[in-house]
Amino acid sequence: MQGRGTLQFPSGAQYEGEFKDNMYHGLGKYIFPDGSVYKGCFCNDRLEGEGTFTDAQGLSWTGDFHGEVALALKLLHNVYMDGPEIITLKSNS
């Protein structure tokens, strides 16, 4: 598959975005079976580059993703309903 498209899985997961050589490649959105969503860059079927991950509870994390590794993400949330708060998380390594 080349270009833009949508791929739905029996698990309920769905990818919508750009493909190259039958792989997620470019900008896209992946919806996980639990309702979590990743929007951003993909490279060869992997999360790669700038993106935003929103978990099933609605918390949104933004930053640079590299496969399953995403160091120093920023958590965007609204704790006191006054406006968005940004927290920078750092790796312990």
PDB file of N, CA and C in Angstrom:
ATOM      1  N   MET A   1       0.847  -1.171   0.000  1.00  0.00           N
ATOM      2  CA  MET A   1       0.000   0.000   0.000  1.00  0.00           C
ATOM      3  C   MET A   1       0.895   1.236   0.000  1.00  0.00           C
ATOM      4  N   GLN A   2       0.546   2.207  -0.798  1.00  0.00           N
ATOM      5  CA  GLN A   2       1.256   3.477  -0.893  1.00  0.00           C
ATOM      6  C   GLN A   2       0.237   4.616  -0.761  1.00  0.00           C
ATOM      7  N   GLY A   3       0.646   5.732  -0.178  1.00  0.00           N
ATOM      8  CA  GLY A   3      -0.239   6.887  -0.064  1.00  0.00           C
ATOM      9  C   GLY A   3      -1.003   6.880   1.242  1.00  0.00           C
ATOM     10  N   ARG A   4      -2.193   7.491   1.221  1.00  0.00           N
ATOM     11  CA  ARG A   4      -3.027   7.593   2.433  1.00  0.00           C
ATOM     12  C   ARG A   4      -4.075   6.503   2.444  1.00  0.00           C
ATOM     13  N   GLY A   5      -4.440   6.079   3.655  1.00  0.00           N
ATOM     14  CA  GLY A   5      -5.474   5.066   3.766  1.00  0.00           C
ATOM     15  C   GLY A   5      -5.823   4.793   5.208  1.00  0.00           C
ATOM     16  N   THR A   6      -6.724   3.843   5.404  1.00  0.00           N
ATOM     17  CA  THR A   6      -7.166   3.420   6.728  1.00  0.00           C
ATOM     18  C   THR A   6      -7.079   1.903   6.805  1.00  0.00           C
ATOM     19  N   LEU A   7      -6.551   1.401   7.908  1.00  0.00           N
ATOM     20  CA  LEU A   7      -6.427  -0.029   8.129  1.00  0.00           C
ATOM     21  C   LEU A   7      -7.084  -0.352   9.459  1.00  0.00           C
ATOM     22  N   GLN A   8      -8.077  -1.255   9.443  1.00  0.00           N
ATOM     23  CA  GLN A   8      -8.784  -1.639  10.661  1.00  0.00           C
ATOM     24  C   GLN A   8      -8.416  -3.071  11.015  1.00  0.00           C
ATOM     25  N   PHE A   9      -8.239  -3.328  12.307  1.00  0.00           N
ATOM     26  CA  PHE A   9      -7.845  -4.637  12.806  1.00  0.00           C
ATOM     27  C   PHE A   9      -9.003  -5.285  13.557  1.00  0.00           C
ATOM     28  N   PRO A  10      -9.066  -6.633  13.587  1.00  0.00           N
ATOM     29  CA  PRO A  10     -10.128  -7.325  14.331  1.00  0.00           C
ATOM     30  C   PRO A  10     -10.167  -6.950  15.812  1.00  0.00           C
ATOM     31  N   SER A  11      -9.026  -6.548  16.379  1.00  0.00           N
ATOM     32  CA  SER A  11      -8.957  -6.174  17.800  1.00  0.00           C
ATOM     33  C   SER A  11      -9.707  -4.882  18.107  1.00  0.00           C
ATOM     34  N   GLY A  12     -10.036  -4.111  17.048  1.00  0.00           N
ATOM     35  CA  GLY A  12     -10.649  -2.806  17.234  1.00  0.00           C
ATOM     36  C   GLY A  12      -9.669  -1.673  17.003  1.00  0.00           C
ATOM     37  N   ALA A  13      -8.386  -2.003  16.900  1.00  0.00           N
ATOM     38  CA  ALA A  13      -7.373  -0.987  16.603  1.00  0.00           C
ATOM     39  C   ALA A  13      -7.560  -0.494  15.177  1.00  0.00           C
ATOM     40  N   GLN A  14      -7.090   0.735  14.935  1.00  0.00           N
ATOM     41  CA  GLN A  14      -7.223   1.319  13.603  1.00  0.00           C
ATOM     42  C   GLN A  14      -6.081   2.280  13.339  1.00  0.00           C
ATOM     43  N   TYR A  15      -5.526   2.229  12.133  1.00  0.00           N
ATOM     44  CA  TYR A  15      -4.516   3.197  11.691  1.00  0.00           C
ATOM     45  C   TYR A  15      -5.104   3.978  10.531  1.00  0.00           C
ATOM     46  N   GLU A  16      -4.923   5.283  10.591  1.00  0.00           N
ATOM     47  CA  GLU A  16      -5.395   6.179   9.532  1.00  0.00           C
ATOM     48  C   GLU A  16      -4.256   7.138   9.223  1.00  0.00           C
ATOM     49  N   GLY A  17      -3.759   7.104   7.996  1.00  0.00           N
ATOM     50  CA  GLY A  17      -2.664   8.003   7.663  1.00  0.00           C
ATOM     51  C   GLY A  17      -1.911   7.561   6.432  1.00  0.00           C
ATOM     52  N   GLU A  18      -0.620   7.894   6.416  1.00  0.00           N
ATOM     53  CA  GLU A  18       0.220   7.644   5.263  1.00  0.00           C
ATOM     54  C   GLU A  18       0.903   6.276   5.348  1.00  0.00           C
ATOM     55  N   PHE A  19       1.030   5.639   4.183  1.00  0.00           N
ATOM     56  CA  PHE A  19       1.693   4.348   4.052  1.00  0.00           C
ATOM     57  C   PHE A  19       2.818   4.458   3.034  1.00  0.00           C
ATOM     58  N   LYS A  20       3.853   3.643   3.234  1.00  0.00           N
ATOM     59  CA  LYS A  20       4.929   3.498   2.258  1.00  0.00           C
ATOM     60  C   LYS A  20       5.404   2.051   2.334  1.00  0.00           C
ATOM     61  N   ASP A  21       5.430   1.358   1.210  1.00  0.00           N
ATOM     62  CA  ASP A  21       5.849  -0.050   1.164  1.00  0.00           C
ATOM     63  C   ASP A  21       5.068  -0.904   2.162  1.00  0.00           C
ATOM     64  N   ASN A  22       3.761  -0.687   2.240  1.00  0.00           N
ATOM     65  CA  ASN A  22       2.857  -1.440   3.124  1.00  0.00           C
ATOM     66  C   ASN A  22       3.129  -1.231   4.612  1.00  0.00           C
ATOM     67  N   MET A  23       3.772  -0.138   4.961  1.00  0.00           N
ATOM     68  CA  MET A  23       4.042   0.167   6.368  1.00  0.00           C
ATOM     69  C   MET A  23       3.519   1.563   6.709  1.00  0.00           C
ATOM     70  N   TYR A  24       3.209   1.775   8.006  1.00  0.00           N
ATOM     71  CA  TYR A  24       2.855   3.115   8.466  1.00  0.00           C
ATOM     72  C   TYR A  24       4.096   3.964   8.270  1.00  0.00           C
ATOM     73  N   HIS A  25       3.964   5.061   7.547  1.00  0.00           N
ATOM     74  CA  HIS A  25       5.141   5.874   7.266  1.00  0.00           C
ATOM     75  C   HIS A  25       4.681   7.287   6.912  1.00  0.00           C
ATOM     76  N   GLY A  26       5.051   8.258   7.751  1.00  0.00           N
ATOM     77  CA  GLY A  26       4.607   9.634   7.572  1.00  0.00           C
ATOM     78  C   GLY A  26       3.671  10.007   8.704  1.00  0.00           C
ATOM     79  N   LEU A  27       2.777  10.942   8.458  1.00  0.00           N
ATOM     80  CA  LEU A  27       1.830  11.381   9.486  1.00  0.00           C
ATOM     81  C   LEU A  27       0.648  10.436   9.555  1.00  0.00           C
ATOM     82  N   GLY A  28       0.207  10.153  10.781  1.00  0.00           N
ATOM     83  CA  GLY A  28      -0.930   9.270  10.930  1.00  0.00           C
ATOM     84  C   GLY A  28      -1.497   9.290  12.329  1.00  0.00           C
ATOM     85  N   LYS A  29      -2.546   8.495  12.488  1.00  0.00           N
ATOM     86  CA  LYS A  29      -3.224   8.357  13.785  1.00  0.00           C
ATOM     87  C   LYS A  29      -3.483   6.874  14.012  1.00  0.00           C
ATOM     88  N   TYR A  30      -3.062   6.374  15.178  1.00  0.00           N
ATOM     89  CA  TYR A  30      -3.296   4.981  15.545  1.00  0.00           C
ATOM     90  C   TYR A  30      -4.204   4.971  16.760  1.00  0.00           C
ATOM     91  N   ILE A  31      -5.335   4.282  16.636  1.00  0.00           N
ATOM     92  CA  ILE A  31      -6.278   4.147  17.743  1.00  0.00           C
ATOM     93  C   ILE A  31      -6.125   2.734  18.294  1.00  0.00           C
ATOM     94  N   PHE A  32      -5.771   2.627  19.567  1.00  0.00           N
ATOM     95  CA  PHE A  32      -5.577   1.341  20.217  1.00  0.00           C
ATOM     96  C   PHE A  32      -6.925   0.762  20.641  1.00  0.00           C
ATOM     97  N   PRO A  33      -7.002  -0.563  20.867  1.00  0.00           N
ATOM     98  CA  PRO A  33      -8.274  -1.175  21.254  1.00  0.00           C
ATOM     99  C   PRO A  33      -8.912  -0.583  22.509  1.00  0.00           C
ATOM    100  N   ASP A  34      -8.097  -0.057  23.440  1.00  0.00           N
ATOM    101  CA  ASP A  34      -8.659   0.519  24.674  1.00  0.00           C
ATOM    102  C   ASP A  34      -9.119   1.963  24.506  1.00  0.00           C
ATOM    103  N   GLY A  35      -8.989   2.511  23.273  1.00  0.00           N
ATOM    104  CA  GLY A  35      -9.413   3.888  23.017  1.00  0.00           C
ATOM    105  C   GLY A  35      -8.294   4.904  23.080  1.00  0.00           C
ATOM    106  N   SER A  36      -7.094   4.497  23.510  1.00  0.00           N
ATOM    107  CA  SER A  36      -5.936   5.393  23.496  1.00  0.00           C
ATOM    108  C   SER A  36      -5.617   5.748  22.053  1.00  0.00           C
ATOM    109  N   VAL A  37      -5.059   6.953  21.858  1.00  0.00           N
ATOM    110  CA  VAL A  37      -4.784   7.428  20.499  1.00  0.00           C
ATOM    111  C   VAL A  37      -3.388   8.030  20.430  1.00  0.00           C
ATOM    112  N   TYR A  38      -2.632   7.673  19.392  1.00  0.00           N
ATOM    113  CA  TYR A  38      -1.371   8.320  19.080  1.00  0.00           C
ATOM    114  C   TYR A  38      -1.556   9.053  17.760  1.00  0.00           C
ATOM    115  N   LYS A  39      -1.226  10.352  17.745  1.00  0.00           N
ATOM    116  CA  LYS A  39      -1.249  11.151  16.513  1.00  0.00           C
ATOM    117  C   LYS A  39       0.141  11.716  16.323  1.00  0.00           C
ATOM    118  N   GLY A  40       0.707  11.479  15.142  1.00  0.00           N
ATOM    119  CA  GLY A  40       2.035  12.009  14.889  1.00  0.00           C
ATOM    120  C   GLY A  40       2.744  11.287  13.778  1.00  0.00           C
ATOM    121  N   CYS A  41       4.063  11.239  13.898  1.00  0.00           N
ATOM    122  CA  CYS A  41       4.913  10.672  12.856  1.00  0.00           C
ATOM    123  C   CYS A  41       5.147   9.182  13.068  1.00  0.00           C
ATOM    124  N   PHE A  42       5.216   8.471  11.950  1.00  0.00           N
ATOM    125  CA  PHE A  42       5.535   7.055  11.917  1.00  0.00           C
ATOM    126  C   PHE A  42       6.675   6.850  10.927  1.00  0.00           C
ATOM    127  N   CYS A  43       7.493   5.831  11.170  1.00  0.00           N
ATOM    128  CA  CYS A  43       8.549   5.455  10.231  1.00  0.00           C
ATOM    129  C   CYS A  43       8.677   3.937  10.270  1.00  0.00           C
ATOM    130  N   ASN A  44       8.414   3.293   9.141  1.00  0.00           N
ATOM    131  CA  ASN A  44       8.530   1.833   9.045  1.00  0.00           C
ATOM    132  C   ASN A  44       7.752   1.103  10.144  1.00  0.00           C
ATOM    133  N   ASP A  45       6.475   1.450  10.300  1.00  0.00           N
ATOM    134  CA  ASP A  45       5.557   0.824  11.265  1.00  0.00           C
ATOM    135  C   ASP A  45       5.856   1.163  12.722  1.00  0.00           C
ATOM    136  N   ARG A  46       6.687   2.146  12.985  1.00  0.00           N
ATOM    137  CA  ARG A  46       7.022   2.513  14.360  1.00  0.00           C
ATOM    138  C   ARG A  46       6.684   3.974  14.626  1.00  0.00           C
ATOM    139  N   LEU A  47       6.323   4.270  15.877  1.00  0.00           N
ATOM    140  CA  LEU A  47       6.149   5.658  16.294  1.00  0.00           C
ATOM    141  C   LEU A  47       7.528   6.291  16.232  1.00  0.00           C
ATOM    142  N   GLU A  48       7.679   7.347  15.467  1.00  0.00           N
ATOM    143  CA  GLU A  48       9.013   7.930  15.281  1.00  0.00           C
ATOM    144  C   GLU A  48       8.908   9.423  15.038  1.00  0.00           C
ATOM    145  N   GLY A  49       9.325  10.208  16.027  1.00  0.00           N
ATOM    146  CA  GLY A  49       9.311  11.651  15.890  1.00  0.00           C
ATOM    147  C   GLY A  49       8.251  12.311  16.753  1.00  0.00           C
ATOM    148  N   GLU A  50       7.929  13.541  16.431  1.00  0.00           N
ATOM    149  CA  GLU A  50       6.981  14.344  17.206  1.00  0.00           C
ATOM    150  C   GLU A  50       5.582  13.744  17.151  1.00  0.00           C
ATOM    151  N   GLY A  51       4.949  13.645  18.326  1.00  0.00           N
ATOM    152  CA  GLY A  51       3.596  13.107  18.363  1.00  0.00           C
ATOM    153  C   GLY A  51       2.921  13.375  19.689  1.00  0.00           C
ATOM    154  N   THR A  52       1.653  13.012  19.749  1.00  0.00           N
ATOM    155  CA  THR A  52       0.855  13.153  20.972  1.00  0.00           C
ATOM    156  C   THR A  52       0.145  11.831  21.228  1.00  0.00           C
ATOM    157  N   PHE A  53       0.267  11.341  22.454  1.00  0.00           N
ATOM    158  CA  PHE A  53      -0.417  10.121  22.878  1.00  0.00           C
ATOM    159  C   PHE A  53      -1.456  10.514  23.915  1.00  0.00           C
ATOM    160  N   THR A  54      -2.699  10.138  23.686  1.00  0.00           N
ATOM    161  CA  THR A  54      -3.773  10.389  24.642  1.00  0.00           C
ATOM    162  C   THR A  54      -4.257   9.044  25.157  1.00  0.00           C
ATOM    163  N   ASP A  55      -4.139   8.837  26.480  1.00  0.00           N
ATOM    164  CA  ASP A  55      -4.522   7.543  27.033  1.00  0.00           C
ATOM    165  C   ASP A  55      -6.032   7.430  27.202  1.00  0.00           C
ATOM    166  N   ALA A  56      -6.490   6.265  27.617  1.00  0.00           N
ATOM    167  CA  ALA A  56      -7.926   5.985  27.733  1.00  0.00           C
ATOM    168  C   ALA A  56      -8.618   6.874  28.768  1.00  0.00           C
ATOM    169  N   GLN A  57      -7.857   7.451  29.721  1.00  0.00           N
ATOM    170  CA  GLN A  57      -8.432   8.350  30.728  1.00  0.00           C
ATOM    171  C   GLN A  57      -8.461   9.798  30.256  1.00  0.00           C
ATOM    172  N   GLY A  58      -7.887  10.064  29.081  1.00  0.00           N
ATOM    173  CA  GLY A  58      -7.919  11.414  28.532  1.00  0.00           C
ATOM    174  C   GLY A  58      -6.681  12.250  28.779  1.00  0.00           C
ATOM    175  N   LEU A  59      -5.652  11.678  29.437  1.00  0.00           N
ATOM    176  CA  LEU A  59      -4.406  12.419  29.644  1.00  0.00           C
ATOM    177  C   LEU A  59      -3.614  12.415  28.351  1.00  0.00           C
ATOM    178  N   SER A  60      -3.089  13.569  27.966  1.00  0.00           N
ATOM    179  CA  SER A  60      -2.337  13.694  26.722  1.00  0.00           C
ATOM    180  C   SER A  60      -0.865  13.942  27.006  1.00  0.00           C
ATOM    181  N   TRP A  61      -0.027  13.179  26.324  1.00  0.00           N
ATOM    182  CA  TRP A  61       1.425  13.273  26.441  1.00  0.00           C
ATOM    183  C   TRP A  61       1.957  13.697  25.081  1.00  0.00           C
ATOM    184  N   THR A  62       2.869  14.654  25.068  1.00  0.00           N
ATOM    185  CA  THR A  62       3.428  15.115  23.806  1.00  0.00           C
ATOM    186  C   THR A  62       4.952  15.123  23.880  1.00  0.00           C
ATOM    187  N   GLY A  63       5.594  14.870  22.750  1.00  0.00           N
ATOM    188  CA  GLY A  63       7.049  14.865  22.716  1.00  0.00           C
ATOM    189  C   GLY A  63       7.568  14.047  21.554  1.00  0.00           C
ATOM    190  N   ASP A  64       8.832  13.626  21.676  1.00  0.00           N
ATOM    191  CA  ASP A  64       9.477  12.815  20.646  1.00  0.00           C
ATOM    192  C   ASP A  64       9.377  11.342  20.999  1.00  0.00           C
ATOM    193  N   PHE A  65       8.821  10.571  20.093  1.00  0.00           N
ATOM    194  CA  PHE A  65       8.652   9.139  20.264  1.00  0.00           C
ATOM    195  C   PHE A  65       9.668   8.414  19.383  1.00  0.00           C
ATOM    196  N   HIS A  66      10.220   7.324  19.913  1.00  0.00           N
ATOM    197  CA  HIS A  66      11.176   6.503  19.168  1.00  0.00           C
ATOM    198  C   HIS A  66      10.830   5.050  19.447  1.00  0.00           C
ATOM    199  N   GLY A  67       9.896   4.505  18.678  1.00  0.00           N
ATOM    200  CA  GLY A  67       9.415   3.147  18.923  1.00  0.00           C
ATOM    201  C   GLY A  67       8.660   3.108  20.229  1.00  0.00           C
ATOM    202  N   GLU A  68       9.120   2.269  21.157  1.00  0.00           N
ATOM    203  CA  GLU A  68       8.476   2.165  22.461  1.00  0.00           C
ATOM    204  C   GLU A  68       9.117   3.080  23.496  1.00  0.00           C
ATOM    205  N   VAL A  69      10.103   3.876  23.076  1.00  0.00           N
ATOM    206  CA  VAL A  69      10.815   4.773  23.984  1.00  0.00           C
ATOM    207  C   VAL A  69      10.375   6.204  23.713  1.00  0.00           C
ATOM    208  N   ALA A  70      10.094   6.935  24.774  1.00  0.00           N
ATOM    209  CA  ALA A  70       9.698   8.342  24.635  1.00  0.00           C
ATOM    210  C   ALA A  70      10.166   9.093  25.879  1.00  0.00           C
ATOM    211  N   LEU A  71      11.396   9.556  25.835  1.00  0.00           N
ATOM    212  CA  LEU A  71      11.976  10.253  26.992  1.00  0.00           C
ATOM    213  C   LEU A  71      11.542  11.709  27.029  1.00  0.00           C
ATOM    214  N   ALA A  72      11.442  12.258  28.230  1.00  0.00           N
ATOM    215  CA  ALA A  72      11.128  13.673  28.470  1.00  0.00           C
ATOM    216  C   ALA A  72       9.829  14.115  27.808  1.00  0.00           C
ATOM    217  N   LEU A  73       8.805  13.277  27.903  1.00  0.00           N
ATOM    218  CA  LEU A  73       7.489  13.676  27.396  1.00  0.00           C
ATOM    219  C   LEU A  73       6.911  14.753  28.292  1.00  0.00           C
ATOM    220  N   LYS A  74       6.026  15.542  27.748  1.00  0.00           N
ATOM    221  CA  LYS A  74       5.308  16.546  28.530  1.00  0.00           C
ATOM    222  C   LYS A  74       3.866  16.074  28.674  1.00  0.00           C
ATOM    223  N   LEU A  75       3.397  16.070  29.907  1.00  0.00           N
ATOM    224  CA  LEU A  75       2.021  15.691  30.194  1.00  0.00           C
ATOM    225  C   LEU A  75       1.178  16.950  30.157  1.00  0.00           C
ATOM    226  N   LEU A  76       0.197  16.977  29.275  1.00  0.00           N
ATOM    227  CA  LEU A  76      -0.715  18.111  29.174  1.00  0.00           C
ATOM    228  C   LEU A  76      -2.012  17.712  29.848  1.00  0.00           C
ATOM    229  N   HIS A  77      -2.377  18.421  30.882  1.00  0.00           N
ATOM    230  CA  HIS A  77      -3.641  18.116  31.547  1.00  0.00           C
ATOM    231  C   HIS A  77      -4.194  19.359  32.222  1.00  0.00           C
ATOM    232  N   ASN A  78      -5.382  19.247  32.719  1.00  0.00           N
ATOM    233  CA  ASN A  78      -6.097  20.366  33.309  1.00  0.00           C
ATOM    234  C   ASN A  78      -6.514  19.973  34.725  1.00  0.00           C
ATOM    235  N   VAL A  79      -5.619  20.152  35.707  1.00  0.00           N
ATOM    236  CA  VAL A  79      -5.861  19.680  37.061  1.00  0.00           C
ATOM    237  C   VAL A  79      -6.947  20.466  37.777  1.00  0.00           C
ATOM    238  N   TYR A  80      -6.876  21.790  37.769  1.00  0.00           N
ATOM    239  CA  TYR A  80      -7.812  22.614  38.519  1.00  0.00           C
ATOM    240  C   TYR A  80      -8.826  23.318  37.636  1.00  0.00           C
ATOM    241  N   MET A  81      -8.887  22.933  36.380  1.00  0.00           N
ATOM    242  CA  MET A  81      -9.822  23.514  35.418  1.00  0.00           C
ATOM    243  C   MET A  81      -9.542  25.001  35.183  1.00  0.00           C
ATOM    244  N   ASP A  82      -8.331  25.484  35.575  1.00  0.00           N
ATOM    245  CA  ASP A  82      -7.946  26.874  35.340  1.00  0.00           C
ATOM    246  C   ASP A  82      -7.308  27.057  33.963  1.00  0.00           C
ATOM    247  N   GLY A  83      -6.869  25.988  33.386  1.00  0.00           N
ATOM    248  CA  GLY A  83      -6.148  26.038  32.120  1.00  0.00           C
ATOM    249  C   GLY A  83      -5.145  24.912  32.074  1.00  0.00           C
ATOM    250  N   PRO A  84      -4.529  24.723  30.934  1.00  0.00           N
ATOM    251  CA  PRO A  84      -3.596  23.601  30.819  1.00  0.00           C
ATOM    252  C   PRO A  84      -2.338  23.795  31.652  1.00  0.00           C
ATOM    253  N   GLU A  85      -1.876  22.706  32.202  1.00  0.00           N
ATOM    254  CA  GLU A  85      -0.642  22.700  32.975  1.00  0.00           C
ATOM    255  C   GLU A  85       0.317  21.760  32.254  1.00  0.00           C
ATOM    256  N   ILE A  86       1.574  22.134  32.167  1.00  0.00           N
ATOM    257  CA  ILE A  86       2.560  21.293  31.492  1.00  0.00           C
ATOM    258  C   ILE A  86       3.572  20.813  32.526  1.00  0.00           C
ATOM    259  N   ILE A  87       3.770  19.497  32.574  1.00  0.00           N
ATOM    260  CA  ILE A  87       4.736  18.898  33.477  1.00  0.00           C
ATOM    261  C   ILE A  87       5.766  18.192  32.608  1.00  0.00           C
ATOM    262  N   THR A  88       7.037  18.441  32.837  1.00  0.00           N
ATOM    263  CA  THR A  88       8.087  17.752  32.087  1.00  0.00           C
ATOM    264  C   THR A  88       8.606  16.603  32.926  1.00  0.00           C
ATOM    265  N   LEU A  89       8.529  15.395  32.394  1.00  0.00           N
ATOM    266  CA  LEU A  89       9.012  14.202  33.080  1.00  0.00           C
ATOM    267  C   LEU A  89      10.394  13.877  32.551  1.00  0.00           C
ATOM    268  N   LYS A  90      11.297  13.517  33.459  1.00  0.00           N
ATOM    269  CA  LYS A  90      12.651  13.178  33.053  1.00  0.00           C
ATOM    270  C   LYS A  90      12.955  11.740  33.419  1.00  0.00           C
ATOM    271  N   SER A  91      13.755  11.109  32.601  1.00  0.00           N
ATOM    272  CA  SER A  91      14.150   9.718  32.824  1.00  0.00           C
ATOM    273  C   SER A  91      15.075   9.624  34.021  1.00  0.00           C
ATOM    274  N   ASN A  92      15.010   8.494  34.749  1.00  0.00           N
ATOM    275  CA  ASN A  92      15.892   8.267  35.881  1.00  0.00           C
ATOM    276  C   ASN A  92      17.220   7.678  35.445  1.00  0.00           C
ATOM    277  N   SER A  93      17.389   7.397  34.173  1.00  0.00           N
ATOM    278  CA  SER A  93      18.634   6.773  33.716  1.00  0.00           C
ATOM    279  C   SER A  93      19.704   7.771  33.414  1.00  0.00           C
TER     280      SER A  93
END
